[in-house]
Amino acid sequence: MQYIVIDLEWNQPLSHMSAPYRKVGDRLMFEMIQIGAVKLDENRRMRGSFSRLIAPKHYVKVHPRIRRITGITQEDLADAPGFLEALEQFAQWCGDDFVLLTWGSDDISVFQQNLDFFGAKRELPPFYDLQKLYCSLVENGKERKGLQAAMAEYGIAATDEHPFHSAVDDAYYTAMVFQRFPDAKAALEFPQAPRVLGKARSGKREKAEAMAVKNEKAYFGSTFGKQIPCPVCGKKGRVKEGYVVQRGENIALADCPDHGLMYVRVNFTLNPQGQLEARRSVTLSDEQNPAYVATKHLQWAQKVAAQAKNPPKEAIA
């Protein structure tokens, strides 16, 4: 059996009001524009790599954020094969006896949606999540860690020859992390299943609730303030960075494991009984590209740190 570590890049609509998105809607949230993969034998020796750009059919204009992160331009994609042709080339390269390994669960969901949308006759092969395996080894499975954190853990240094956010190079680094795991077959204990991609229905995109609190500081230290329920499914995501005061509101980020980035807004007011209440609204973000979400969390951590050094007048002491 061969292990194939795969990484994808995909484009997204310029906005959800754009003509391409209005045409295809939730049936194609992200359109694949690159497949990168590294093949390892049963002893985890690298035996080859695969890299193929894919010409998008619907989201033909590369989103500025995708271009900035990946370096892929519309000119790069102009002469690339379409999705179905690239899929066949990848399938031929994979061979017969293999499993697919990824870092995280986003790739499999995007891959499945593209297979369905373009009517591919091939079914999705078995996928396994190396991120879950890594976290079970290093973090007791309690927190998801990024690929770069895993590389640092194992002393793997990035090089100019393999820049991040190129699909084949991200697959290469993921393969190097996989080589460091004590047991290769342990990866098969973490199968993946694609989730259905799509924006939440407008009526479920936001949820508001209130809770009586002793004081504002008590809210931020409470489970109610740290564990945020998704407005769609109710699963809770943790506020990692903390709250930032903007225009009199306390705002934070959290992640639903199934529906992605959430914005949390909290205001404090007195209820009719004279008790202090934390009034909270939770809204699912329209932007769910993994690169965007990661960048947003990084920016938020910087904002929290900046306000800790120079608190605004309305911030909690």
C-alpha atoms as a PDB file:
ATOM      1  CA  MET A   1       0.000   0.000   0.000  1.00  0.00           C
ATOM      2  CA  GLN A   2       1.152   3.525  -0.813  1.00  0.00           C
ATOM      3  CA  TYR A   3       0.497   6.645   1.230  1.00  0.00           C
ATOM      4  CA  ILE A   4      -0.369   9.706  -0.821  1.00  0.00           C
ATOM      5  CA  VAL A   5      -0.254  13.024   1.018  1.00  0.00           C
ATOM      6  CA  ILE A   6      -2.459  15.506  -0.794  1.00  0.00           C
ATOM      7  CA  ASP A   7      -3.020  19.234  -0.542  1.00  0.00           C
ATOM      8  CA  LEU A   8      -5.435  21.380  -2.537  1.00  0.00           C
ATOM      9  CA  GLU A   9      -5.754  25.028  -3.417  1.00  0.00           C
ATOM     10  CA  TRP A  10      -9.072  26.477  -4.456  1.00  0.00           C
ATOM     11  CA  ASN A  11     -10.636  29.695  -5.620  1.00  0.00           C
ATOM     12  CA  GLN A  12     -13.782  31.303  -4.258  1.00  0.00           C
ATOM     13  CA  PRO A  13     -16.326  33.845  -5.544  1.00  0.00           C
ATOM     14  CA  LEU A  14     -15.330  37.483  -5.355  1.00  0.00           C
ATOM     15  CA  SER A  15     -18.523  37.950  -3.349  1.00  0.00           C
ATOM     16  CA  HIS A  16     -21.733  36.074  -2.684  1.00  0.00           C
ATOM     17  CA  MET A  17     -23.517  38.715  -4.753  1.00  0.00           C
ATOM     18  CA  SER A  18     -21.378  38.055  -7.835  1.00  0.00           C
ATOM     19  CA  ALA A  19     -22.909  36.619 -10.991  1.00  0.00           C
ATOM     20  CA  PRO A  20     -20.871  33.353 -10.889  1.00  0.00           C
ATOM     21  CA  TYR A  21     -21.958  32.639  -7.317  1.00  0.00           C
ATOM     22  CA  ARG A  22     -25.600  33.503  -8.002  1.00  0.00           C
ATOM     23  CA  LYS A  23     -25.454  31.008 -10.884  1.00  0.00           C
ATOM     24  CA  VAL A  24     -24.008  28.024  -8.991  1.00  0.00           C
ATOM     25  CA  GLY A  25     -24.733  28.960  -5.370  1.00  0.00           C
ATOM     26  CA  ASP A  26     -23.916  26.593  -2.539  1.00  0.00           C
ATOM     27  CA  ARG A  27     -23.400  23.726  -4.987  1.00  0.00           C
ATOM     28  CA  LEU A  28     -19.857  25.043  -5.569  1.00  0.00           C
ATOM     29  CA  MET A  29     -18.611  27.092  -2.647  1.00  0.00           C
ATOM     30  CA  PHE A  30     -14.942  26.634  -3.625  1.00  0.00           C
ATOM     31  CA  GLU A  31     -13.554  25.653  -7.024  1.00  0.00           C
ATOM     32  CA  MET A  32     -10.337  23.644  -7.057  1.00  0.00           C
ATOM     33  CA  ILE A  33      -7.419  25.274  -8.899  1.00  0.00           C
ATOM     34  CA  GLN A  34      -4.491  23.076  -7.841  1.00  0.00           C
ATOM     35  CA  ILE A  35      -3.769  19.513  -6.750  1.00  0.00           C
ATOM     36  CA  GLY A  36      -0.450  18.777  -5.097  1.00  0.00           C
ATOM     37  CA  ALA A  37       0.600  15.404  -3.728  1.00  0.00           C
ATOM     38  CA  VAL A  38       3.580  13.383  -2.535  1.00  0.00           C
ATOM     39  CA  LYS A  39       3.716   9.593  -2.787  1.00  0.00           C
ATOM     40  CA  LEU A  40       5.336   7.454  -0.070  1.00  0.00           C
ATOM     41  CA  ASP A  41       5.837   3.694  -0.061  1.00  0.00           C
ATOM     42  CA  GLU A  42       4.878   1.403   2.826  1.00  0.00           C
ATOM     43  CA  ASN A  43       8.141   2.353   4.569  1.00  0.00           C
ATOM     44  CA  ARG A  44       7.326   6.059   4.155  1.00  0.00           C
ATOM     45  CA  ARG A  45      10.055   6.696   1.646  1.00  0.00           C
ATOM     46  CA  MET A  46       9.123   9.440  -0.827  1.00  0.00           C
ATOM     47  CA  ARG A  47       8.636   7.989  -4.302  1.00  0.00           C
ATOM     48  CA  GLY A  48       7.392  10.922  -6.326  1.00  0.00           C
ATOM     49  CA  SER A  49       5.285  14.042  -6.458  1.00  0.00           C
ATOM     50  CA  PHE A  50       2.349  15.384  -8.439  1.00  0.00           C
ATOM     51  CA  SER A  51       1.450  19.004  -9.136  1.00  0.00           C
ATOM     52  CA  ARG A  52      -1.293  20.164 -11.431  1.00  0.00           C
ATOM     53  CA  LEU A  53      -2.992  23.537 -11.853  1.00  0.00           C
ATOM     54  CA  ILE A  54      -6.682  23.442 -12.774  1.00  0.00           C
ATOM     55  CA  ALA A  55      -8.492  26.003 -14.906  1.00  0.00           C
ATOM     56  CA  PRO A  56     -11.659  27.142 -13.094  1.00  0.00           C
ATOM     57  CA  LYS A  57     -14.886  27.103 -15.072  1.00  0.00           C
ATOM     58  CA  HIS A  58     -16.996  29.365 -12.869  1.00  0.00           C
ATOM     59  CA  TYR A  59     -14.818  31.397 -10.510  1.00  0.00           C
ATOM     60  CA  VAL A  60     -12.441  32.364 -13.304  1.00  0.00           C
ATOM     61  CA  LYS A  61     -11.190  35.537 -11.624  1.00  0.00           C
ATOM     62  CA  VAL A  62      -8.731  34.593  -8.902  1.00  0.00           C
ATOM     63  CA  HIS A  63      -9.834  36.096  -5.609  1.00  0.00           C
ATOM     64  CA  PRO A  64      -7.254  38.686  -4.459  1.00  0.00           C
ATOM     65  CA  ARG A  65      -6.772  36.855  -1.162  1.00  0.00           C
ATOM     66  CA  ILE A  66      -6.135  33.553  -2.940  1.00  0.00           C
ATOM     67  CA  ARG A  67      -3.689  35.230  -5.312  1.00  0.00           C
ATOM     68  CA  ARG A  68      -1.859  36.859  -2.405  1.00  0.00           C
ATOM     69  CA  ILE A  69      -1.588  33.636  -0.402  1.00  0.00           C
ATOM     70  CA  THR A  70      -0.827  31.144  -3.184  1.00  0.00           C
ATOM     71  CA  GLY A  71       0.786  33.347  -5.799  1.00  0.00           C
ATOM     72  CA  ILE A  72      -1.504  31.763  -8.423  1.00  0.00           C
ATOM     73  CA  THR A  73      -2.712  34.192 -11.096  1.00  0.00           C
ATOM     74  CA  GLN A  74      -5.311  33.962 -13.843  1.00  0.00           C
ATOM     75  CA  GLU A  75      -2.474  33.805 -16.351  1.00  0.00           C
ATOM     76  CA  ASP A  76      -1.107  30.709 -14.579  1.00  0.00           C
ATOM     77  CA  LEU A  77      -4.464  28.981 -14.986  1.00  0.00           C
ATOM     78  CA  ALA A  78      -5.142  30.004 -18.582  1.00  0.00           C
ATOM     79  CA  ASP A  79      -3.636  26.884 -20.198  1.00  0.00           C
ATOM     80  CA  ALA A  80      -4.328  24.458 -17.342  1.00  0.00           C
ATOM     81  CA  PRO A  81      -6.623  21.442 -17.817  1.00  0.00           C
ATOM     82  CA  GLY A  82     -10.176  21.463 -16.498  1.00  0.00           C
ATOM     83  CA  PHE A  83     -11.153  19.685 -13.308  1.00  0.00           C
ATOM     84  CA  LEU A  84     -12.174  16.351 -14.822  1.00  0.00           C
ATOM     85  CA  GLU A  85      -9.017  16.104 -16.943  1.00  0.00           C
ATOM     86  CA  ALA A  86      -6.779  16.980 -13.999  1.00  0.00           C
ATOM     87  CA  LEU A  87      -8.661  14.446 -11.874  1.00  0.00           C
ATOM     88  CA  GLU A  88      -7.937  11.674 -14.368  1.00  0.00           C
ATOM     89  CA  GLN A  89      -4.266  12.622 -14.485  1.00  0.00           C
ATOM     90  CA  PHE A  90      -4.107  12.502 -10.703  1.00  0.00           C
ATOM     91  CA  ALA A  91      -5.928   9.163 -10.551  1.00  0.00           C
ATOM     92  CA  GLN A  92      -3.504   7.634 -13.054  1.00  0.00           C
ATOM     93  CA  TRP A  93      -0.549   8.891 -11.027  1.00  0.00           C
ATOM     94  CA  CYS A  94      -1.963   7.476  -7.786  1.00  0.00           C
ATOM     95  CA  GLY A  95      -2.248   3.925  -9.117  1.00  0.00           C
ATOM     96  CA  ASP A  96      -4.409   1.258  -7.485  1.00  0.00           C
ATOM     97  CA  ASP A  97      -3.353   0.460  -3.907  1.00  0.00           C
ATOM     98  CA  PHE A  98      -3.225   3.687  -1.887  1.00  0.00           C
ATOM     99  CA  VAL A  99      -4.843   5.868   0.761  1.00  0.00           C
ATOM    100  CA  LEU A 100      -4.995   9.666   0.803  1.00  0.00           C
ATOM    101  CA  LEU A 101      -3.670  11.621   3.757  1.00  0.00           C
ATOM    102  CA  THR A 102      -4.351  15.303   4.447  1.00  0.00           C
ATOM    103  CA  TRP A 103      -3.711  17.848   7.147  1.00  0.00           C
ATOM    104  CA  GLY A 104      -7.162  18.725   8.468  1.00  0.00           C
ATOM    105  CA  SER A 105     -10.636  18.152   7.091  1.00  0.00           C
ATOM    106  CA  ASP A 106     -11.126  21.012   4.617  1.00  0.00           C
ATOM    107  CA  ASP A 107      -9.570  19.373   1.543  1.00  0.00           C
ATOM    108  CA  ILE A 108     -11.810  16.324   1.560  1.00  0.00           C
ATOM    109  CA  SER A 109     -14.976  18.448   1.737  1.00  0.00           C
ATOM    110  CA  VAL A 110     -13.896  20.701  -1.135  1.00  0.00           C
ATOM    111  CA  PHE A 111     -12.776  17.675  -3.169  1.00  0.00           C
ATOM    112  CA  GLN A 112     -16.136  15.943  -2.683  1.00  0.00           C
ATOM    113  CA  GLN A 113     -18.120  19.041  -3.632  1.00  0.00           C
ATOM    114  CA  ASN A 114     -16.100  19.447  -6.839  1.00  0.00           C
ATOM    115  CA  LEU A 115     -16.578  15.756  -7.682  1.00  0.00           C
ATOM    116  CA  ASP A 116     -20.331  16.115  -7.223  1.00  0.00           C
ATOM    117  CA  PHE A 117     -20.676  19.428  -9.027  1.00  0.00           C
ATOM    118  CA  PHE A 118     -18.709  18.422 -12.125  1.00  0.00           C
ATOM    119  CA  GLY A 119     -20.325  14.978 -12.305  1.00  0.00           C
ATOM    120  CA  ALA A 120     -17.135  12.965 -11.901  1.00  0.00           C
ATOM    121  CA  LYS A 121     -17.638   9.241 -12.292  1.00  0.00           C
ATOM    122  CA  ARG A 122     -14.928   8.473  -9.758  1.00  0.00           C
ATOM    123  CA  GLU A 123     -15.714   8.128  -6.085  1.00  0.00           C
ATOM    124  CA  LEU A 124     -13.611   9.725  -3.387  1.00  0.00           C
ATOM    125  CA  PRO A 125     -10.903   7.294  -2.159  1.00  0.00           C
ATOM    126  CA  PRO A 126     -10.381   6.752   1.589  1.00  0.00           C
ATOM    127  CA  PHE A 127      -9.068   9.912   3.309  1.00  0.00           C
ATOM    128  CA  TYR A 128      -7.280  10.067   6.668  1.00  0.00           C
ATOM    129  CA  ASP A 129      -6.493  13.070   8.821  1.00  0.00           C
ATOM    130  CA  LEU A 130      -2.847  13.501   9.856  1.00  0.00           C
ATOM    131  CA  GLN A 131      -3.694  16.578  11.901  1.00  0.00           C
ATOM    132  CA  LYS A 132      -5.893  14.507  14.217  1.00  0.00           C
ATOM    133  CA  LEU A 133      -3.174  11.882  14.516  1.00  0.00           C
ATOM    134  CA  TYR A 134      -0.571  14.515  15.364  1.00  0.00           C
ATOM    135  CA  CYS A 135      -2.802  16.108  17.998  1.00  0.00           C
ATOM    136  CA  SER A 136      -3.458  12.714  19.559  1.00  0.00           C
ATOM    137  CA  LEU A 137       0.295  12.196  19.851  1.00  0.00           C
ATOM    138  CA  VAL A 138       1.328  15.659  21.020  1.00  0.00           C
ATOM    139  CA  GLU A 139      -1.740  17.486  22.297  1.00  0.00           C
ATOM    140  CA  ASN A 140      -3.860  14.593  23.621  1.00  0.00           C
ATOM    141  CA  GLY A 141      -6.362  15.384  20.879  1.00  0.00           C
ATOM    142  CA  LYS A 142      -7.658  18.462  22.713  1.00  0.00           C
ATOM    143  CA  GLU A 143      -6.619  21.174  20.283  1.00  0.00           C
ATOM    144  CA  ARG A 144      -5.986  21.352  16.560  1.00  0.00           C
ATOM    145  CA  LYS A 145      -2.497  22.460  15.602  1.00  0.00           C
ATOM    146  CA  GLY A 146      -1.346  23.865  12.295  1.00  0.00           C
ATOM    147  CA  LEU A 147       1.187  22.246   9.996  1.00  0.00           C
ATOM    148  CA  GLN A 148       3.886  24.777  10.852  1.00  0.00           C
ATOM    149  CA  ALA A 149       3.488  24.022  14.558  1.00  0.00           C
ATOM    150  CA  ALA A 150       3.995  20.321  13.807  1.00  0.00           C
ATOM    151  CA  MET A 151       7.063  21.116  11.717  1.00  0.00           C
ATOM    152  CA  ALA A 152       8.515  23.094  14.613  1.00  0.00           C
ATOM    153  CA  GLU A 153       7.793  20.213  16.997  1.00  0.00           C
ATOM    154  CA  TYR A 154       9.825  17.835  14.833  1.00  0.00           C
ATOM    155  CA  GLY A 155      12.566  20.299  13.892  1.00  0.00           C
ATOM    156  CA  ILE A 156      11.562  20.535  10.218  1.00  0.00           C
ATOM    157  CA  ALA A 157      12.700  23.824   8.693  1.00  0.00           C
ATOM    158  CA  ALA A 158      11.025  25.407   5.686  1.00  0.00           C
ATOM    159  CA  THR A 159      13.237  26.194   2.700  1.00  0.00           C
ATOM    160  CA  ASP A 160      13.025  28.620  -0.218  1.00  0.00           C
ATOM    161  CA  GLU A 161      12.888  25.609  -2.518  1.00  0.00           C
ATOM    162  CA  HIS A 162       9.522  24.620  -1.026  1.00  0.00           C
ATOM    163  CA  PRO A 163       7.450  27.758  -0.357  1.00  0.00           C
ATOM    164  CA  PHE A 164       4.327  27.476   1.778  1.00  0.00           C
ATOM    165  CA  HIS A 165       0.886  27.622   0.145  1.00  0.00           C
ATOM    166  CA  SER A 166       1.964  25.813  -2.975  1.00  0.00           C
ATOM    167  CA  ALA A 167      -0.113  22.638  -2.894  1.00  0.00           C
ATOM    168  CA  VAL A 168       2.730  20.247  -3.711  1.00  0.00           C
ATOM    169  CA  ASP A 169       5.101  21.943  -1.243  1.00  0.00           C
ATOM    170  CA  ASP A 170       2.533  21.902   1.571  1.00  0.00           C
ATOM    171  CA  ALA A 171       2.035  18.205   0.773  1.00  0.00           C
ATOM    172  CA  TYR A 172       5.824  17.748   0.931  1.00  0.00           C
ATOM    173  CA  TYR A 173       6.043  19.276   4.421  1.00  0.00           C
ATOM    174  CA  THR A 174       3.039  17.262   5.560  1.00  0.00           C
ATOM    175  CA  ALA A 175       4.759  14.106   4.300  1.00  0.00           C
ATOM    176  CA  MET A 176       7.886  15.020   6.279  1.00  0.00           C
ATOM    177  CA  VAL A 177       5.802  15.360   9.448  1.00  0.00           C
ATOM    178  CA  PHE A 178       4.140  12.016   8.672  1.00  0.00           C
ATOM    179  CA  GLN A 179       7.585  10.407   8.444  1.00  0.00           C
ATOM    180  CA  ARG A 180       8.259  11.460  12.048  1.00  0.00           C
ATOM    181  CA  PHE A 181       5.246   9.648  13.498  1.00  0.00           C
ATOM    182  CA  PRO A 182       6.130   6.439  15.359  1.00  0.00           C
ATOM    183  CA  ASP A 183       3.611   4.262  13.498  1.00  0.00           C
ATOM    184  CA  ALA A 184       2.501   4.956   9.937  1.00  0.00           C
ATOM    185  CA  LYS A 185      -0.562   2.728  10.161  1.00  0.00           C
ATOM    186  CA  ALA A 186      -1.867   4.762  13.087  1.00  0.00           C
ATOM    187  CA  ALA A 187      -3.034   7.257  10.455  1.00  0.00           C
ATOM    188  CA  LEU A 188      -5.692   4.732   9.425  1.00  0.00           C
ATOM    189  CA  GLU A 189      -7.325   5.215  12.826  1.00  0.00           C
ATOM    190  CA  PHE A 190      -8.409   8.718  11.813  1.00  0.00           C
ATOM    191  CA  PRO A 191     -10.673   8.373   8.762  1.00  0.00           C
ATOM    192  CA  GLN A 192     -12.293  11.490   7.344  1.00  0.00           C
ATOM    193  CA  ALA A 193     -15.774  12.047   5.989  1.00  0.00           C
ATOM    194  CA  PRO A 194     -16.614  15.109   3.875  1.00  0.00           C
ATOM    195  CA  ARG A 195     -19.015  17.608   5.343  1.00  0.00           C
ATOM    196  CA  VAL A 196     -21.631  19.408   3.286  1.00  0.00           C
ATOM    197  CA  LEU A 197     -20.389  22.840   2.296  1.00  0.00           C
ATOM    198  CA  GLY A 198     -22.752  25.756   2.072  1.00  0.00           C
ATOM    199  CA  LYS A 199     -23.760  28.987   3.677  1.00  0.00           C
ATOM    200  CA  ALA A 200     -26.173  28.674   6.545  1.00  0.00           C
ATOM    201  CA  ARG A 201     -29.736  29.679   5.878  1.00  0.00           C
ATOM    202  CA  SER A 202     -30.191  33.360   6.570  1.00  0.00           C
ATOM    203  CA  GLY A 203     -32.598  32.689   9.429  1.00  0.00           C
ATOM    204  CA  LYS A 204     -29.960  30.612  11.227  1.00  0.00           C
ATOM    205  CA  ARG A 205     -26.889  32.736  10.615  1.00  0.00           C
ATOM    206  CA  GLU A 206     -27.212  34.650  13.869  1.00  0.00           C
ATOM    207  CA  LYS A 207     -28.261  33.810  17.380  1.00  0.00           C
ATOM    208  CA  ALA A 208     -28.796  36.237  20.248  1.00  0.00           C
ATOM    209  CA  GLU A 209     -29.032  35.470  23.951  1.00  0.00           C
ATOM    210  CA  ALA A 210     -28.523  37.141  27.317  1.00  0.00           C
ATOM    211  CA  MET A 211     -27.229  36.144  30.732  1.00  0.00           C
ATOM    212  CA  ALA A 212     -27.304  37.925  34.088  1.00  0.00           C
ATOM    213  CA  VAL A 213     -23.772  38.515  35.381  1.00  0.00           C
ATOM    214  CA  LYS A 214     -22.252  39.915  38.567  1.00  0.00           C
ATOM    215  CA  ASN A 215     -20.024  42.252  36.614  1.00  0.00           C
ATOM    216  CA  GLU A 216     -18.401  42.501  33.189  1.00  0.00           C
ATOM    217  CA  LYS A 217     -15.218  40.765  34.316  1.00  0.00           C
ATOM    218  CA  ALA A 218     -17.279  37.789  35.524  1.00  0.00           C
ATOM    219  CA  TYR A 219     -18.693  37.297  32.017  1.00  0.00           C
ATOM    220  CA  PHE A 220     -15.276  37.082  30.375  1.00  0.00           C
ATOM    221  CA  GLY A 221     -14.101  34.544  32.943  1.00  0.00           C
ATOM    222  CA  SER A 222     -17.216  32.376  32.654  1.00  0.00           C
ATOM    223  CA  THR A 223     -17.893  29.352  30.485  1.00  0.00           C
ATOM    224  CA  PHE A 224     -20.703  31.386  28.899  1.00  0.00           C
ATOM    225  CA  GLY A 225     -18.119  33.930  27.792  1.00  0.00           C
ATOM    226  CA  LYS A 226     -15.525  31.417  26.596  1.00  0.00           C
ATOM    227  CA  GLN A 227     -17.574  28.616  24.997  1.00  0.00           C
ATOM    228  CA  ILE A 228     -19.638  29.945  22.090  1.00  0.00           C
ATOM    229  CA  PRO A 229     -22.487  27.932  20.491  1.00  0.00           C
ATOM    230  CA  CYS A 230     -22.754  27.890  16.709  1.00  0.00           C
ATOM    231  CA  PRO A 231     -26.004  29.548  15.540  1.00  0.00           C
ATOM    232  CA  VAL A 232     -26.517  26.711  13.054  1.00  0.00           C
ATOM    233  CA  CYS A 233     -25.778  23.482  14.933  1.00  0.00           C
ATOM    234  CA  GLY A 234     -25.182  24.530  18.532  1.00  0.00           C
ATOM    235  CA  LYS A 235     -21.728  22.971  18.744  1.00  0.00           C
ATOM    236  CA  LYS A 236     -19.422  25.097  20.857  1.00  0.00           C
ATOM    237  CA  GLY A 237     -16.224  26.796  19.814  1.00  0.00           C
ATOM    238  CA  ARG A 238     -13.738  28.387  22.164  1.00  0.00           C
ATOM    239  CA  VAL A 239     -12.765  32.053  22.236  1.00  0.00           C
ATOM    240  CA  LYS A 240      -9.004  31.658  21.828  1.00  0.00           C
ATOM    241  CA  GLU A 241      -7.560  35.135  21.535  1.00  0.00           C
ATOM    242  CA  GLY A 242      -9.943  37.109  23.723  1.00  0.00           C
ATOM    243  CA  TYR A 243     -12.240  40.099  23.238  1.00  0.00           C
ATOM    244  CA  VAL A 244     -11.485  43.410  21.537  1.00  0.00           C
ATOM    245  CA  VAL A 245     -13.431  46.599  22.252  1.00  0.00           C
ATOM    246  CA  GLN A 246     -14.643  48.258  19.062  1.00  0.00           C
ATOM    247  CA  ARG A 247     -17.167  51.099  19.000  1.00  0.00           C
ATOM    248  CA  GLY A 248     -18.413  50.196  22.449  1.00  0.00           C
ATOM    249  CA  GLU A 249     -18.881  46.490  21.667  1.00  0.00           C
ATOM    250  CA  ASN A 250     -16.809  43.591  22.946  1.00  0.00           C
ATOM    251  CA  ILE A 251     -15.991  41.413  19.926  1.00  0.00           C
ATOM    252  CA  ALA A 252     -14.271  38.026  19.686  1.00  0.00           C
ATOM    253  CA  LEU A 253     -13.764  35.144  17.270  1.00  0.00           C
ATOM    254  CA  ALA A 254     -14.611  31.469  17.736  1.00  0.00           C
ATOM    255  CA  ASP A 255     -14.735  28.446  15.426  1.00  0.00           C
ATOM    256  CA  CYS A 256     -17.536  25.933  15.037  1.00  0.00           C
ATOM    257  CA  PRO A 257     -15.978  22.540  14.148  1.00  0.00           C
ATOM    258  CA  ASP A 258     -18.556  22.090  11.366  1.00  0.00           C
ATOM    259  CA  HIS A 259     -19.519  25.582  10.177  1.00  0.00           C
ATOM    260  CA  GLY A 260     -16.375  27.595  10.697  1.00  0.00           C
ATOM    261  CA  LEU A 261     -15.632  31.138  11.800  1.00  0.00           C
ATOM    262  CA  MET A 262     -18.059  32.946  14.114  1.00  0.00           C
ATOM    263  CA  TYR A 263     -18.152  36.569  15.246  1.00  0.00           C
ATOM    264  CA  VAL A 264     -19.154  37.137  18.865  1.00  0.00           C
ATOM    265  CA  ARG A 265     -20.498  40.539  19.955  1.00  0.00           C
ATOM    266  CA  VAL A 266     -21.275  41.348  23.582  1.00  0.00           C
ATOM    267  CA  ASN A 267     -22.907  44.418  25.140  1.00  0.00           C
ATOM    268  CA  PHE A 268     -23.646  44.978  28.796  1.00  0.00           C
ATOM    269  CA  THR A 269     -26.909  46.531  29.926  1.00  0.00           C
ATOM    270  CA  LEU A 270     -29.299  46.557  32.881  1.00  0.00           C
ATOM    271  CA  ASN A 271     -32.455  44.434  32.577  1.00  0.00           C
ATOM    272  CA  PRO A 272     -35.861  45.605  33.928  1.00  0.00           C
ATOM    273  CA  GLN A 273     -35.003  44.065  37.313  1.00  0.00           C
ATOM    274  CA  GLY A 274     -31.868  46.187  37.550  1.00  0.00           C
ATOM    275  CA  GLN A 275     -29.489  43.259  37.013  1.00  0.00           C
ATOM    276  CA  LEU A 276     -26.478  43.556  34.759  1.00  0.00           C
ATOM    277  CA  GLU A 277     -26.887  41.422  31.639  1.00  0.00           C
ATOM    278  CA  ALA A 278     -24.413  40.307  29.016  1.00  0.00           C
ATOM    279  CA  ARG A 279     -26.296  40.458  25.718  1.00  0.00           C
ATOM    280  CA  ARG A 280     -24.486  38.366  23.159  1.00  0.00           C
ATOM    281  CA  SER A 281     -25.010  37.810  19.443  1.00  0.00           C
ATOM    282  CA  VAL A 282     -23.158  35.122  17.488  1.00  0.00           C
ATOM    283  CA  THR A 283     -22.959  35.417  13.711  1.00  0.00           C
ATOM    284  CA  LEU A 284     -21.520  32.926  11.237  1.00  0.00           C
ATOM    285  CA  SER A 285     -18.970  34.577   8.938  1.00  0.00           C
ATOM    286  CA  ASP A 286     -19.598  34.722   5.193  1.00  0.00           C
ATOM    287  CA  GLU A 287     -15.882  34.037   4.629  1.00  0.00           C
ATOM    288  CA  GLN A 288     -14.852  30.472   5.434  1.00  0.00           C
ATOM    289  CA  ASN A 289     -11.722  29.990   3.359  1.00  0.00           C
ATOM    290  CA  PRO A 290      -9.198  28.329   5.719  1.00  0.00           C
ATOM    291  CA  ALA A 291      -6.465  30.796   4.816  1.00  0.00           C
ATOM    292  CA  TYR A 292      -8.786  33.719   5.555  1.00  0.00           C
ATOM    293  CA  VAL A 293      -9.849  32.224   8.890  1.00  0.00           C
ATOM    294  CA  ALA A 294      -6.247  31.607   9.954  1.00  0.00           C
ATOM    295  CA  THR A 295      -5.258  35.151   8.984  1.00  0.00           C
ATOM    296  CA  LYS A 296      -8.256  36.593  10.834  1.00  0.00           C
ATOM    297  CA  HIS A 297      -7.290  34.763  14.042  1.00  0.00           C
ATOM    298  CA  LEU A 298      -3.711  36.013  13.716  1.00  0.00           C
ATOM    299  CA  GLN A 299      -4.924  39.578  13.252  1.00  0.00           C
ATOM    300  CA  TRP A 300      -7.265  39.206  16.226  1.00  0.00           C
ATOM    301  CA  ALA A 301      -4.476  38.008  18.496  1.00  0.00           C
ATOM    302  CA  GLN A 302      -2.500  41.106  17.529  1.00  0.00           C
ATOM    303  CA  LYS A 303      -5.485  43.348  18.293  1.00  0.00           C
ATOM    304  CA  VAL A 304      -6.004  41.733  21.696  1.00  0.00           C
ATOM    305  CA  ALA A 305      -2.313  42.173  22.533  1.00  0.00           C
ATOM    306  CA  ALA A 306      -2.368  45.815  21.403  1.00  0.00           C
ATOM    307  CA  GLN A 307      -5.430  46.639  23.521  1.00  0.00           C
ATOM    308  CA  ALA A 308      -3.903  44.906  26.531  1.00  0.00           C
ATOM    309  CA  LYS A 309      -0.995  47.370  26.314  1.00  0.00           C
ATOM    310  CA  ASN A 310      -3.179  50.398  25.611  1.00  0.00           C
ATOM    311  CA  PRO A 311      -6.765  49.731  26.782  1.00  0.00           C
ATOM    312  CA  PRO A 312      -9.481  52.011  25.372  1.00  0.00           C
ATOM    313  CA  LYS A 313     -11.430  54.004  27.926  1.00  0.00           C
ATOM    314  CA  GLU A 314     -14.466  51.727  27.609  1.00  0.00           C
ATOM    315  CA  ALA A 315     -12.396  48.532  28.038  1.00  0.00           C
ATOM    316  CA  ILE A 316     -12.588  46.567  31.245  1.00  0.00           C
ATOM    317  CA  ALA A 317      -9.885  47.408  33.739  1.00  0.00           C
END
